[in-house]
Structure formats: C-alpha cells, structure tokens
Amino acid sequence: KILKTRLKAVGLPLIDHGSHIIPVLVGDPIHAKKLSER
C-alpha cells in the first residue's frame, strides 16, 4: 500500500486492484526493456 501511494504521488501509471502486485504500465516493449536495464 505504501509503495502504491508513493508511485501514484509522482503520477506513474500503475494499476491498483488492491492486491500486493503492482504493475506500472509502459506500453512499449523496447521502452520497458530499456527502463529495466537502466
């Protein structure tokens, strides 16, 4: 819950259904891979 609140506070596009899993949407495979690498 704390992490979701903090990520939302900086405007990141996460999906929150109330569970412990926190997906942050990127929408592009190359960008997602580059973010992970950095």
Full PDB file with SEQRES, HELIX, SHEET, SSBOND, CRYST1, ORIGX, SCALE, CONECT and MASTER records, all heavy atoms in Angstrom:
SEQRES   1 A   38  LYS ILE LEU LYS THR ARG LEU LYS ALA VAL GLY LEU PRO          
SEQRES   2 A   38  LEU ILE ASP HIS GLY SER HIS ILE ILE PRO VAL LEU VAL          
SEQRES   3 A   38  GLY ASP PRO ILE HIS ALA LYS LYS LEU SER GLU ARG              
HELIX    1 AA1 ILE A    2  ALA A    9  1                                   8    
HELIX    2 AA2 PRO A   29  GLU A   37  1                                   9    
CRYST1    1.000    1.000    1.000  90.00  90.00  90.00 P 1           1          
ORIGX1      1.000000  0.000000  0.000000        0.00000                         
ORIGX2      0.000000  1.000000  0.000000        0.00000                         
ORIGX3      0.000000  0.000000  1.000000        0.00000                         
SCALE1      1.000000  0.000000  0.000000        0.00000                         
SCALE2      0.000000  1.000000  0.000000        0.00000                         
SCALE3      0.000000  0.000000  1.000000        0.00000                         
ATOM      1  N   LYS A   1       0.833  -1.212   0.000  1.00  0.00           N  
ATOM      2  CA  LYS A   1       0.000   0.000   0.000  1.00  0.00           C  
ATOM      3  C   LYS A   1       0.866   1.260   0.000  1.00  0.00           C  
ATOM      4  O   LYS A   1       0.580   2.230  -0.712  1.00  0.00           O  
ATOM      5  CB  LYS A   1      -0.918  -0.015   1.224  1.00  0.00           C  
ATOM      6  CG  LYS A   1      -1.900   1.149   1.259  1.00  0.00           C  
ATOM      7  CD  LYS A   1      -2.820   1.061   2.480  1.00  0.00           C  
ATOM      8  CE  LYS A   1      -3.743  -0.133   2.384  1.00  0.00           C  
ATOM      9  NZ  LYS A   1      -4.734  -0.154   3.513  1.00  0.00           N  
ATOM     10  N   ILE A   2       1.942   1.244   0.777  1.00  0.00           N  
ATOM     11  CA  ILE A   2       2.842   2.401   0.832  1.00  0.00           C  
ATOM     12  C   ILE A   2       3.482   2.649  -0.530  1.00  0.00           C  
ATOM     13  O   ILE A   2       3.536   3.793  -1.007  1.00  0.00           O  
ATOM     14  CB  ILE A   2       3.925   2.192   1.907  1.00  0.00           C  
ATOM     15  CG1 ILE A   2       3.302   2.266   3.308  1.00  0.00           C  
ATOM     16  CG2 ILE A   2       5.047   3.230   1.770  1.00  0.00           C  
ATOM     17  CD1 ILE A   2       4.253   1.869   4.419  1.00  0.00           C  
ATOM     18  N   LEU A   3       3.973   1.586  -1.162  1.00  0.00           N  
ATOM     19  CA  LEU A   3       4.620   1.756  -2.460  1.00  0.00           C  
ATOM     20  C   LEU A   3       3.641   2.284  -3.507  1.00  0.00           C  
ATOM     21  O   LEU A   3       3.980   3.196  -4.286  1.00  0.00           O  
ATOM     22  CB  LEU A   3       5.229   0.433  -2.940  1.00  0.00           C  
ATOM     23  CG  LEU A   3       5.921   0.495  -4.310  1.00  0.00           C  
ATOM     24  CD1 LEU A   3       7.019   1.545  -4.330  1.00  0.00           C  
ATOM     25  CD2 LEU A   3       6.474  -0.875  -4.699  1.00  0.00           C  
ATOM     26  N   LYS A   4       2.422   1.764  -3.516  1.00  0.00           N  
ATOM     27  CA  LYS A   4       1.423   2.253  -4.474  1.00  0.00           C  
ATOM     28  C   LYS A   4       1.111   3.732  -4.244  1.00  0.00           C  
ATOM     29  O   LYS A   4       1.007   4.507  -5.199  1.00  0.00           O  
ATOM     30  CB  LYS A   4       0.151   1.400  -4.384  1.00  0.00           C  
ATOM     31  CG  LYS A   4       0.289   0.039  -5.045  1.00  0.00           C  
ATOM     32  CD  LYS A   4      -0.998  -0.738  -5.054  1.00  0.00           C  
ATOM     33  CE  LYS A   4      -1.280  -1.426  -3.757  1.00  0.00           C  
ATOM     34  NZ  LYS A   4      -2.389  -2.404  -3.843  1.00  0.00           N  
ATOM     35  N   THR A   5       0.987   4.111  -2.993  1.00  0.00           N  
ATOM     36  CA  THR A   5       0.713   5.515  -2.665  1.00  0.00           C  
ATOM     37  C   THR A   5       1.841   6.417  -3.140  1.00  0.00           C  
ATOM     38  O   THR A   5       1.605   7.489  -3.720  1.00  0.00           O  
ATOM     39  CB  THR A   5       0.508   5.680  -1.150  1.00  0.00           C  
ATOM     40  OG1 THR A   5      -0.595   4.863  -0.725  1.00  0.00           O  
ATOM     41  CG2 THR A   5       0.222   7.127  -0.794  1.00  0.00           C  
ATOM     42  N   ARG A   6       3.070   5.991  -2.915  1.00  0.00           N  
ATOM     43  CA  ARG A   6       4.230   6.788  -3.314  1.00  0.00           C  
ATOM     44  C   ARG A   6       4.344   6.893  -4.838  1.00  0.00           C  
ATOM     45  O   ARG A   6       4.655   7.963  -5.376  1.00  0.00           O  
ATOM     46  CB  ARG A   6       5.510   6.168  -2.736  1.00  0.00           C  
ATOM     47  CG  ARG A   6       5.642   6.247  -1.215  1.00  0.00           C  
ATOM     48  CD  ARG A   6       5.972   7.655  -0.739  1.00  0.00           C  
ATOM     49  NE  ARG A   6       7.115   8.228  -1.414  1.00  0.00           N  
ATOM     50  CZ  ARG A   6       8.392   8.005  -1.089  1.00  0.00           C  
ATOM     51  NH1 ARG A   6       8.682   7.197  -0.071  1.00  0.00           N  
ATOM     52  NH2 ARG A   6       9.363   8.609  -1.753  1.00  0.00           N  
ATOM     53  N   LEU A   7       4.115   5.795  -5.547  1.00  0.00           N  
ATOM     54  CA  LEU A   7       4.203   5.813  -7.012  1.00  0.00           C  
ATOM     55  C   LEU A   7       3.094   6.672  -7.617  1.00  0.00           C  
ATOM     56  O   LEU A   7       3.311   7.410  -8.587  1.00  0.00           O  
ATOM     57  CB  LEU A   7       4.131   4.390  -7.562  1.00  0.00           C  
ATOM     58  CG  LEU A   7       5.345   3.492  -7.288  1.00  0.00           C  
ATOM     59  CD1 LEU A   7       5.056   2.061  -7.718  1.00  0.00           C  
ATOM     60  CD2 LEU A   7       6.599   4.012  -7.987  1.00  0.00           C  
ATOM     61  N   LYS A   8       1.907   6.598  -7.035  1.00  0.00           N  
ATOM     62  CA  LYS A   8       0.798   7.431  -7.514  1.00  0.00           C  
ATOM     63  C   LYS A   8       1.095   8.914  -7.288  1.00  0.00           C  
ATOM     64  O   LYS A   8       0.724   9.761  -8.106  1.00  0.00           O  
ATOM     65  CB  LYS A   8      -0.497   7.056  -6.790  1.00  0.00           C  
ATOM     66  CG  LYS A   8      -1.099   5.732  -7.212  1.00  0.00           C  
ATOM     67  CD  LYS A   8      -2.361   5.458  -6.390  1.00  0.00           C  
ATOM     68  CE  LYS A   8      -2.978   4.124  -6.737  1.00  0.00           C  
ATOM     69  NZ  LYS A   8      -4.191   3.839  -5.947  1.00  0.00           N  
ATOM     70  N   ALA A   9       1.767   9.210  -6.191  1.00  0.00           N  
ATOM     71  CA  ALA A   9       2.046  10.603  -5.845  1.00  0.00           C  
ATOM     72  C   ALA A   9       2.928  11.293  -6.879  1.00  0.00           C  
ATOM     73  O   ALA A   9       2.863  12.519  -7.038  1.00  0.00           O  
ATOM     74  CB  ALA A   9       2.700  10.674  -4.470  1.00  0.00           C  
ATOM     75  N   VAL A  10       3.761  10.522  -7.595  1.00  0.00           N  
ATOM     76  CA  VAL A  10       4.597  11.114  -8.646  1.00  0.00           C  
ATOM     77  C   VAL A  10       3.988  10.878 -10.032  1.00  0.00           C  
ATOM     78  O   VAL A  10       4.633  11.104 -11.055  1.00  0.00           O  
ATOM     79  CB  VAL A  10       6.046  10.588  -8.581  1.00  0.00           C  
ATOM     80  CG1 VAL A  10       6.709  11.022  -7.290  1.00  0.00           C  
ATOM     81  CG2 VAL A  10       6.101   9.067  -8.725  1.00  0.00           C  
ATOM     82  N   GLY A  11       2.730  10.415 -10.050  1.00  0.00           N  
ATOM     83  CA  GLY A  11       1.984  10.330 -11.297  1.00  0.00           C  
ATOM     84  C   GLY A  11       2.314   9.166 -12.195  1.00  0.00           C  
ATOM     85  O   GLY A  11       2.046   9.213 -13.400  1.00  0.00           O  
ATOM     86  N   LEU A  12       2.867   8.088 -11.657  1.00  0.00           N  
ATOM     87  CA  LEU A  12       3.179   6.944 -12.510  1.00  0.00           C  
ATOM     88  C   LEU A  12       1.917   6.130 -12.793  1.00  0.00           C  
ATOM     89  O   LEU A  12       1.065   5.955 -11.912  1.00  0.00           O  
ATOM     90  CB  LEU A  12       4.244   6.069 -11.862  1.00  0.00           C  
ATOM     91  CG  LEU A  12       5.619   6.721 -11.676  1.00  0.00           C  
ATOM     92  CD1 LEU A  12       6.654   5.677 -11.298  1.00  0.00           C  
ATOM     93  CD2 LEU A  12       6.062   7.458 -12.929  1.00  0.00           C  
ATOM     94  N   PRO A  13       1.778   5.617 -14.024  1.00  0.00           N  
ATOM     95  CA  PRO A  13       0.550   4.927 -14.440  1.00  0.00           C  
ATOM     96  C   PRO A  13       0.488   3.486 -13.961  1.00  0.00           C  
ATOM     97  O   PRO A  13       0.716   2.549 -14.718  1.00  0.00           O  
ATOM     98  CB  PRO A  13       0.615   5.006 -15.967  1.00  0.00           C  
ATOM     99  CG  PRO A  13       2.079   5.002 -16.269  1.00  0.00           C  
ATOM    100  CD  PRO A  13       2.734   5.762 -15.141  1.00  0.00           C  
ATOM    101  N   LEU A  14       0.182   3.304 -12.709  1.00  0.00           N  
ATOM    102  CA  LEU A  14       0.110   1.943 -12.178  1.00  0.00           C  
ATOM    103  C   LEU A  14      -1.333   1.449 -12.135  1.00  0.00           C  
ATOM    104  O   LEU A  14      -2.287   2.233 -12.169  1.00  0.00           O  
ATOM    105  CB  LEU A  14       0.757   1.875 -10.797  1.00  0.00           C  
ATOM    106  CG  LEU A  14       0.136   2.688  -9.661  1.00  0.00           C  
ATOM    107  CD1 LEU A  14      -0.884   1.854  -8.895  1.00  0.00           C  
ATOM    108  CD2 LEU A  14       1.221   3.158  -8.713  1.00  0.00           C  
ATOM    109  N   ILE A  15      -1.467   0.147 -12.066  1.00  0.00           N  
ATOM    110  CA  ILE A  15      -2.777  -0.492 -11.926  1.00  0.00           C  
ATOM    111  C   ILE A  15      -2.913  -0.934 -10.474  1.00  0.00           C  
ATOM    112  O   ILE A  15      -2.052  -1.645  -9.957  1.00  0.00           O  
ATOM    113  CB  ILE A  15      -2.910  -1.706 -12.863  1.00  0.00           C  
ATOM    114  CG1 ILE A  15      -2.750  -1.280 -14.320  1.00  0.00           C  
ATOM    115  CG2 ILE A  15      -4.254  -2.394 -12.660  1.00  0.00           C  
ATOM    116  CD1 ILE A  15      -2.715  -2.448 -15.292  1.00  0.00           C  
ATOM    117  N   ASP A  16      -3.986  -0.519  -9.814  1.00  0.00           N  
ATOM    118  CA  ASP A  16      -4.181  -0.846  -8.405  1.00  0.00           C  
ATOM    119  C   ASP A  16      -5.539  -1.490  -8.193  1.00  0.00           C  
ATOM    120  O   ASP A  16      -6.574  -0.824  -8.207  1.00  0.00           O  
ATOM    121  CB  ASP A  16      -4.053   0.425  -7.558  1.00  0.00           C  
ATOM    122  CG  ASP A  16      -4.192   0.136  -6.064  1.00  0.00           C  
ATOM    123  OD1 ASP A  16      -4.268  -1.046  -5.692  1.00  0.00           O  
ATOM    124  OD2 ASP A  16      -4.226   1.104  -5.280  1.00  0.00           O  
ATOM    125  N   HIS A  17      -5.518  -2.803  -8.006  1.00  0.00           N  
ATOM    126  CA  HIS A  17      -6.751  -3.535  -7.712  1.00  0.00           C  
ATOM    127  C   HIS A  17      -6.814  -3.958  -6.247  1.00  0.00           C  
ATOM    128  O   HIS A  17      -7.653  -4.772  -5.875  1.00  0.00           O  
ATOM    129  CB  HIS A  17      -6.857  -4.769  -8.606  1.00  0.00           C  
ATOM    130  CG  HIS A  17      -7.166  -4.458 -10.039  1.00  0.00           C  
ATOM    131  ND1 HIS A  17      -8.395  -4.003 -10.463  1.00  0.00           N  
ATOM    132  CD2 HIS A  17      -6.396  -4.531 -11.150  1.00  0.00           C  
ATOM    133  CE1 HIS A  17      -8.384  -3.820 -11.769  1.00  0.00           C  
ATOM    134  NE2 HIS A  17      -7.187  -4.126 -12.221  1.00  0.00           N  
ATOM    135  N   GLY A  18      -5.886  -3.436  -5.434  1.00  0.00           N  
ATOM    136  CA  GLY A  18      -5.924  -3.740  -4.012  1.00  0.00           C  
ATOM    137  C   GLY A  18      -5.104  -4.936  -3.578  1.00  0.00           C  
ATOM    138  O   GLY A  18      -5.087  -5.276  -2.395  1.00  0.00           O  
ATOM    139  N   SER A  19      -4.401  -5.567  -4.503  1.00  0.00           N  
ATOM    140  CA  SER A  19      -3.568  -6.714  -4.141  1.00  0.00           C  
ATOM    141  C   SER A  19      -2.128  -6.264  -3.934  1.00  0.00           C  
ATOM    142  O   SER A  19      -1.804  -5.077  -4.010  1.00  0.00           O  
ATOM    143  CB  SER A  19      -3.631  -7.792  -5.217  1.00  0.00           C  
ATOM    144  OG  SER A  19      -2.870  -7.418  -6.357  1.00  0.00           O  
ATOM    145  N   HIS A  20      -1.247  -7.216  -3.686  1.00  0.00           N  
ATOM    146  CA  HIS A  20       0.166  -6.936  -3.441  1.00  0.00           C  
ATOM    147  C   HIS A  20       0.971  -6.769  -4.725  1.00  0.00           C  
ATOM    148  O   HIS A  20       2.157  -6.428  -4.663  1.00  0.00           O  
ATOM    149  CB  HIS A  20       0.775  -8.090  -2.633  1.00  0.00           C  
ATOM    150  CG  HIS A  20       0.720  -9.401  -3.358  1.00  0.00           C  
ATOM    151  ND1 HIS A  20      -0.454 -10.124  -3.490  1.00  0.00           N  
ATOM    152  CD2 HIS A  20       1.666 -10.113  -4.015  1.00  0.00           C  
ATOM    153  CE1 HIS A  20      -0.218 -11.221  -4.185  1.00  0.00           C  
ATOM    154  NE2 HIS A  20       1.056 -11.245  -4.514  1.00  0.00           N  
ATOM    155  N   ILE A  21       0.362  -7.023  -5.868  1.00  0.00           N  
ATOM    156  CA  ILE A  21       1.048  -6.945  -7.167  1.00  0.00           C  
ATOM    157  C   ILE A  21       0.885  -5.542  -7.735  1.00  0.00           C  
ATOM    158  O   ILE A  21      -0.240  -5.030  -7.829  1.00  0.00           O  
ATOM    159  CB  ILE A  21       0.497  -8.003  -8.132  1.00  0.00           C  
ATOM    160  CG1 ILE A  21       0.834  -9.409  -7.602  1.00  0.00           C  
ATOM    161  CG2 ILE A  21       1.054  -7.811  -9.535  1.00  0.00           C  
ATOM    162  CD1 ILE A  21       0.124 -10.538  -8.325  1.00  0.00           C  
ATOM    163  N   ILE A  22       2.006  -4.924  -8.137  1.00  0.00           N  
ATOM    164  CA  ILE A  22       1.982  -3.525  -8.575  1.00  0.00           C  
ATOM    165  C   ILE A  22       2.561  -3.400  -9.983  1.00  0.00           C  
ATOM    166  O   ILE A  22       3.777  -3.273 -10.157  1.00  0.00           O  
ATOM    167  CB  ILE A  22       2.766  -2.630  -7.597  1.00  0.00           C  
ATOM    168  CG1 ILE A  22       2.257  -2.849  -6.160  1.00  0.00           C  
ATOM    169  CG2 ILE A  22       2.650  -1.162  -8.005  1.00  0.00           C  
ATOM    170  CD1 ILE A  22       3.051  -2.089  -5.113  1.00  0.00           C  
ATOM    171  N   PRO A  23       1.710  -3.412 -11.015  1.00  0.00           N  
ATOM    172  CA  PRO A  23       2.188  -3.217 -12.379  1.00  0.00           C  
ATOM    173  C   PRO A  23       2.230  -1.724 -12.723  1.00  0.00           C  
ATOM    174  O   PRO A  23       1.259  -1.004 -12.505  1.00  0.00           O  
ATOM    175  CB  PRO A  23       1.126  -3.926 -13.240  1.00  0.00           C  
ATOM    176  CG  PRO A  23       0.106  -4.470 -12.283  1.00  0.00           C  
ATOM    177  CD  PRO A  23       0.291  -3.758 -10.980  1.00  0.00           C  
ATOM    178  N   VAL A  24       3.357  -1.276 -13.261  1.00  0.00           N  
ATOM    179  CA  VAL A  24       3.486   0.090 -13.768  1.00  0.00           C  
ATOM    180  C   VAL A  24       3.549   0.000 -15.286  1.00  0.00           C  
ATOM    181  O   VAL A  24       4.459  -0.604 -15.852  1.00  0.00           O  
ATOM    182  CB  VAL A  24       4.742   0.788 -13.214  1.00  0.00           C  
ATOM    183  CG1 VAL A  24       4.884   2.179 -13.824  1.00  0.00           C  
ATOM    184  CG2 VAL A  24       4.669   0.883 -11.693  1.00  0.00           C  
ATOM    185  N   LEU A  25       2.557   0.583 -15.940  1.00  0.00           N  
ATOM    186  CA  LEU A  25       2.419   0.436 -17.384  1.00  0.00           C  
ATOM    187  C   LEU A  25       3.432   1.298 -18.133  1.00  0.00           C  
ATOM    188  O   LEU A  25       3.591   2.485 -17.838  1.00  0.00           O  
ATOM    189  CB  LEU A  25       1.001   0.807 -17.813  1.00  0.00           C  
ATOM    190  CG  LEU A  25      -0.101  -0.122 -17.297  1.00  0.00           C  
ATOM    191  CD1 LEU A  25      -1.465   0.391 -17.722  1.00  0.00           C  
ATOM    192  CD2 LEU A  25       0.106  -1.543 -17.790  1.00  0.00           C  
ATOM    193  N   VAL A  26       4.059   0.694 -19.133  1.00  0.00           N  
ATOM    194  CA  VAL A  26       4.993   1.388 -20.014  1.00  0.00           C  
ATOM    195  C   VAL A  26       4.414   1.482 -21.418  1.00  0.00           C  
ATOM    196  O   VAL A  26       4.452   2.523 -22.063  1.00  0.00           O  
ATOM    197  CB  VAL A  26       6.361   0.677 -20.036  1.00  0.00           C  
ATOM    198  CG1 VAL A  26       7.328   1.412 -20.963  1.00  0.00           C  
ATOM    199  CG2 VAL A  26       6.940   0.568 -18.626  1.00  0.00           C  
ATOM    200  N   GLY A  27       3.836   0.368 -21.902  1.00  0.00           N  
ATOM    201  CA  GLY A  27       3.129   0.382 -23.180  1.00  0.00           C  
ATOM    202  C   GLY A  27       3.983   0.155 -24.400  1.00  0.00           C  
ATOM    203  O   GLY A  27       3.499   0.231 -25.532  1.00  0.00           O  
ATOM    204  N   ASP A  28       5.249  -0.173 -24.203  1.00  0.00           N  
ATOM    205  CA  ASP A  28       6.144  -0.415 -25.334  1.00  0.00           C  
ATOM    206  C   ASP A  28       7.236  -1.387 -24.875  1.00  0.00           C  
ATOM    207  O   ASP A  28       7.871  -1.152 -23.836  1.00  0.00           O  
ATOM    208  CB  ASP A  28       6.773   0.887 -25.815  1.00  0.00           C  
ATOM    209  CG  ASP A  28       7.739   0.678 -26.973  1.00  0.00           C  
ATOM    210  OD1 ASP A  28       7.281   0.678 -28.125  1.00  0.00           O  
ATOM    211  OD2 ASP A  28       8.948   0.504 -26.711  1.00  0.00           O  
ATOM    212  N   PRO A  29       7.494  -2.464 -25.624  1.00  0.00           N  
ATOM    213  CA  PRO A  29       8.456  -3.466 -25.169  1.00  0.00           C  
ATOM    214  C   PRO A  29       9.895  -2.956 -25.108  1.00  0.00           C  
ATOM    215  O   PRO A  29      10.646  -3.312 -24.195  1.00  0.00           O  
ATOM    216  CB  PRO A  29       8.315  -4.595 -26.195  1.00  0.00           C  
ATOM    217  CG  PRO A  29       7.739  -3.949 -27.412  1.00  0.00           C  
ATOM    218  CD  PRO A  29       6.854  -2.856 -26.896  1.00  0.00           C  
ATOM    219  N   ILE A  30      10.267  -2.107 -26.062  1.00  0.00           N  
ATOM    220  CA  ILE A  30      11.637  -1.593 -26.087  1.00  0.00           C  
ATOM    221  C   ILE A  30      11.870  -0.633 -24.919  1.00  0.00           C  
ATOM    222  O   ILE A  30      12.900  -0.687 -24.245  1.00  0.00           O  
ATOM    223  CB  ILE A  30      11.929  -0.912 -27.441  1.00  0.00           C  
ATOM    224  CG1 ILE A  30      11.869  -1.962 -28.569  1.00  0.00           C  
ATOM    225  CG2 ILE A  30      13.290  -0.230 -27.426  1.00  0.00           C  
ATOM    226  CD1 ILE A  30      12.000  -1.398 -29.961  1.00  0.00           C  
ATOM    227  N   HIS A  31      10.878   0.241 -24.659  1.00  0.00           N  
ATOM    228  CA  HIS A  31      10.997   1.157 -23.531  1.00  0.00           C  
ATOM    229  C   HIS A  31      11.020   0.396 -22.201  1.00  0.00           C  
ATOM    230  O   HIS A  31      11.773   0.758 -21.282  1.00  0.00           O  
ATOM    231  CB  HIS A  31       9.833   2.148 -23.529  1.00  0.00           C  
ATOM    232  CG  HIS A  31       9.941   3.195 -24.588  1.00  0.00           C  
ATOM    233  ND1 HIS A  31       8.871   3.968 -25.002  1.00  0.00           N  
ATOM    234  CD2 HIS A  31      10.997   3.602 -25.340  1.00  0.00           C  
ATOM    235  CE1 HIS A  31       9.258   4.795 -25.949  1.00  0.00           C  
ATOM    236  NE2 HIS A  31      10.547   4.591 -26.170  1.00  0.00           N  
ATOM    237  N   ALA A  32      10.189  -0.641 -22.091  1.00  0.00           N  
ATOM    238  CA  ALA A  32      10.149  -1.420 -20.851  1.00  0.00           C  
ATOM    239  C   ALA A  32      11.496  -2.088 -20.596  1.00  0.00           C  
ATOM    240  O   ALA A  32      12.001  -2.097 -19.463  1.00  0.00           O  
ATOM    241  CB  ALA A  32       9.036  -2.467 -20.928  1.00  0.00           C  
ATOM    242  N   LYS A  33      12.079  -2.640 -21.638  1.00  0.00           N  
ATOM    243  CA  LYS A  33      13.384  -3.291 -21.504  1.00  0.00           C  
ATOM    244  C   LYS A  33      14.464  -2.273 -21.144  1.00  0.00           C  
ATOM    245  O   LYS A  33      15.324  -2.530 -20.282  1.00  0.00           O  
ATOM    246  CB  LYS A  33      13.747  -4.005 -22.808  1.00  0.00           C  
ATOM    247  CG  LYS A  33      14.976  -4.901 -22.735  1.00  0.00           C  
ATOM    248  CD  LYS A  33      15.134  -5.700 -24.023  1.00  0.00           C  
ATOM    249  CE  LYS A  33      16.238  -6.750 -23.890  1.00  0.00           C  
ATOM    250  NZ  LYS A  33      17.561  -6.161 -23.721  1.00  0.00           N  
ATOM    251  N   LYS A  34      14.433  -1.106 -21.785  1.00  0.00           N  
ATOM    252  CA  LYS A  34      15.425  -0.078 -21.510  1.00  0.00           C  
ATOM    253  C   LYS A  34      15.307   0.444 -20.071  1.00  0.00           C  
ATOM    254  O   LYS A  34      16.311   0.656 -19.385  1.00  0.00           O  
ATOM    255  CB  LYS A  34      15.274   1.080 -22.497  1.00  0.00           C  
ATOM    256  CG  LYS A  34      16.288   2.199 -22.313  1.00  0.00           C  
ATOM    257  CD  LYS A  34      17.729   1.713 -22.460  1.00  0.00           C  
ATOM    258  CE  LYS A  34      18.050   1.248 -23.865  1.00  0.00           C  
ATOM    259  NZ  LYS A  34      19.490   0.872 -23.979  1.00  0.00           N  
ATOM    260  N   LEU A  35      14.085   0.652 -19.606  1.00  0.00           N  
ATOM    261  CA  LEU A  35      13.882   1.077 -18.219  1.00  0.00           C  
ATOM    262  C   LEU A  35      14.447   0.051 -17.243  1.00  0.00           C  
ATOM    263  O   LEU A  35      15.118   0.403 -16.266  1.00  0.00           O  
ATOM    264  CB  LEU A  35      12.393   1.281 -17.939  1.00  0.00           C  
ATOM    265  CG  LEU A  35      11.770   2.595 -18.413  1.00  0.00           C  
ATOM    266  CD1 LEU A  35      10.253   2.513 -18.301  1.00  0.00           C  
ATOM    267  CD2 LEU A  35      12.298   3.766 -17.591  1.00  0.00           C  
ATOM    268  N   SER A  36      14.168  -1.219 -17.509  1.00  0.00           N  
ATOM    269  CA  SER A  36      14.669  -2.293 -16.653  1.00  0.00           C  
ATOM    270  C   SER A  36      16.194  -2.300 -16.625  1.00  0.00           C  
ATOM    271  O   SER A  36      16.810  -2.435 -15.553  1.00  0.00           O  
ATOM    272  CB  SER A  36      14.140  -3.646 -17.153  1.00  0.00           C  
ATOM    273  OG  SER A  36      14.748  -4.713 -16.456  1.00  0.00           O  
ATOM    274  N   GLU A  37      16.804  -2.149 -17.784  1.00  0.00           N  
ATOM    275  CA  GLU A  37      18.263  -2.156 -17.867  1.00  0.00           C  
ATOM    276  C   GLU A  37      18.883  -0.978 -17.120  1.00  0.00           C  
ATOM    277  O   GLU A  37      19.888  -1.129 -16.418  1.00  0.00           O  
ATOM    278  CB  GLU A  37      18.693  -2.131 -19.338  1.00  0.00           C  
ATOM    279  CG  GLU A  37      18.392  -3.427 -20.088  1.00  0.00           C  
ATOM    280  CD  GLU A  37      18.642  -3.310 -21.580  1.00  0.00           C  
ATOM    281  OE1 GLU A  37      18.835  -2.173 -22.080  1.00  0.00           O  
ATOM    282  OE2 GLU A  37      18.638  -4.359 -22.253  1.00  0.00           O  
ATOM    283  N   ARG A  38      18.281   0.204 -17.256  1.00  0.00           N  
ATOM    284  CA  ARG A  38      18.834   1.384 -16.591  1.00  0.00           C  
ATOM    285  C   ARG A  38      18.624   1.330 -15.074  1.00  0.00           C  
ATOM    286  O   ARG A  38      19.488   1.756 -14.305  1.00  0.00           O  
ATOM    287  CB  ARG A  38      18.213   2.652 -17.180  1.00  0.00           C  
ATOM    288  CG  ARG A  38      18.643   2.917 -18.620  1.00  0.00           C  
ATOM    289  CD  ARG A  38      18.285   4.320 -19.057  1.00  0.00           C  
ATOM    290  NE  ARG A  38      18.980   5.340 -18.260  1.00  0.00           N  
ATOM    291  CZ  ARG A  38      18.794   6.645 -18.421  1.00  0.00           C  
ATOM    292  NH1 ARG A  38      17.937   7.091 -19.336  1.00  0.00           N  
ATOM    293  NH2 ARG A  38      19.456   7.514 -17.674  1.00  0.00           N  
TER     294      ARG A  38                                                      
MASTER        0    0    0    2    0    0    0    6  293    1    0    3          
END                                                                             
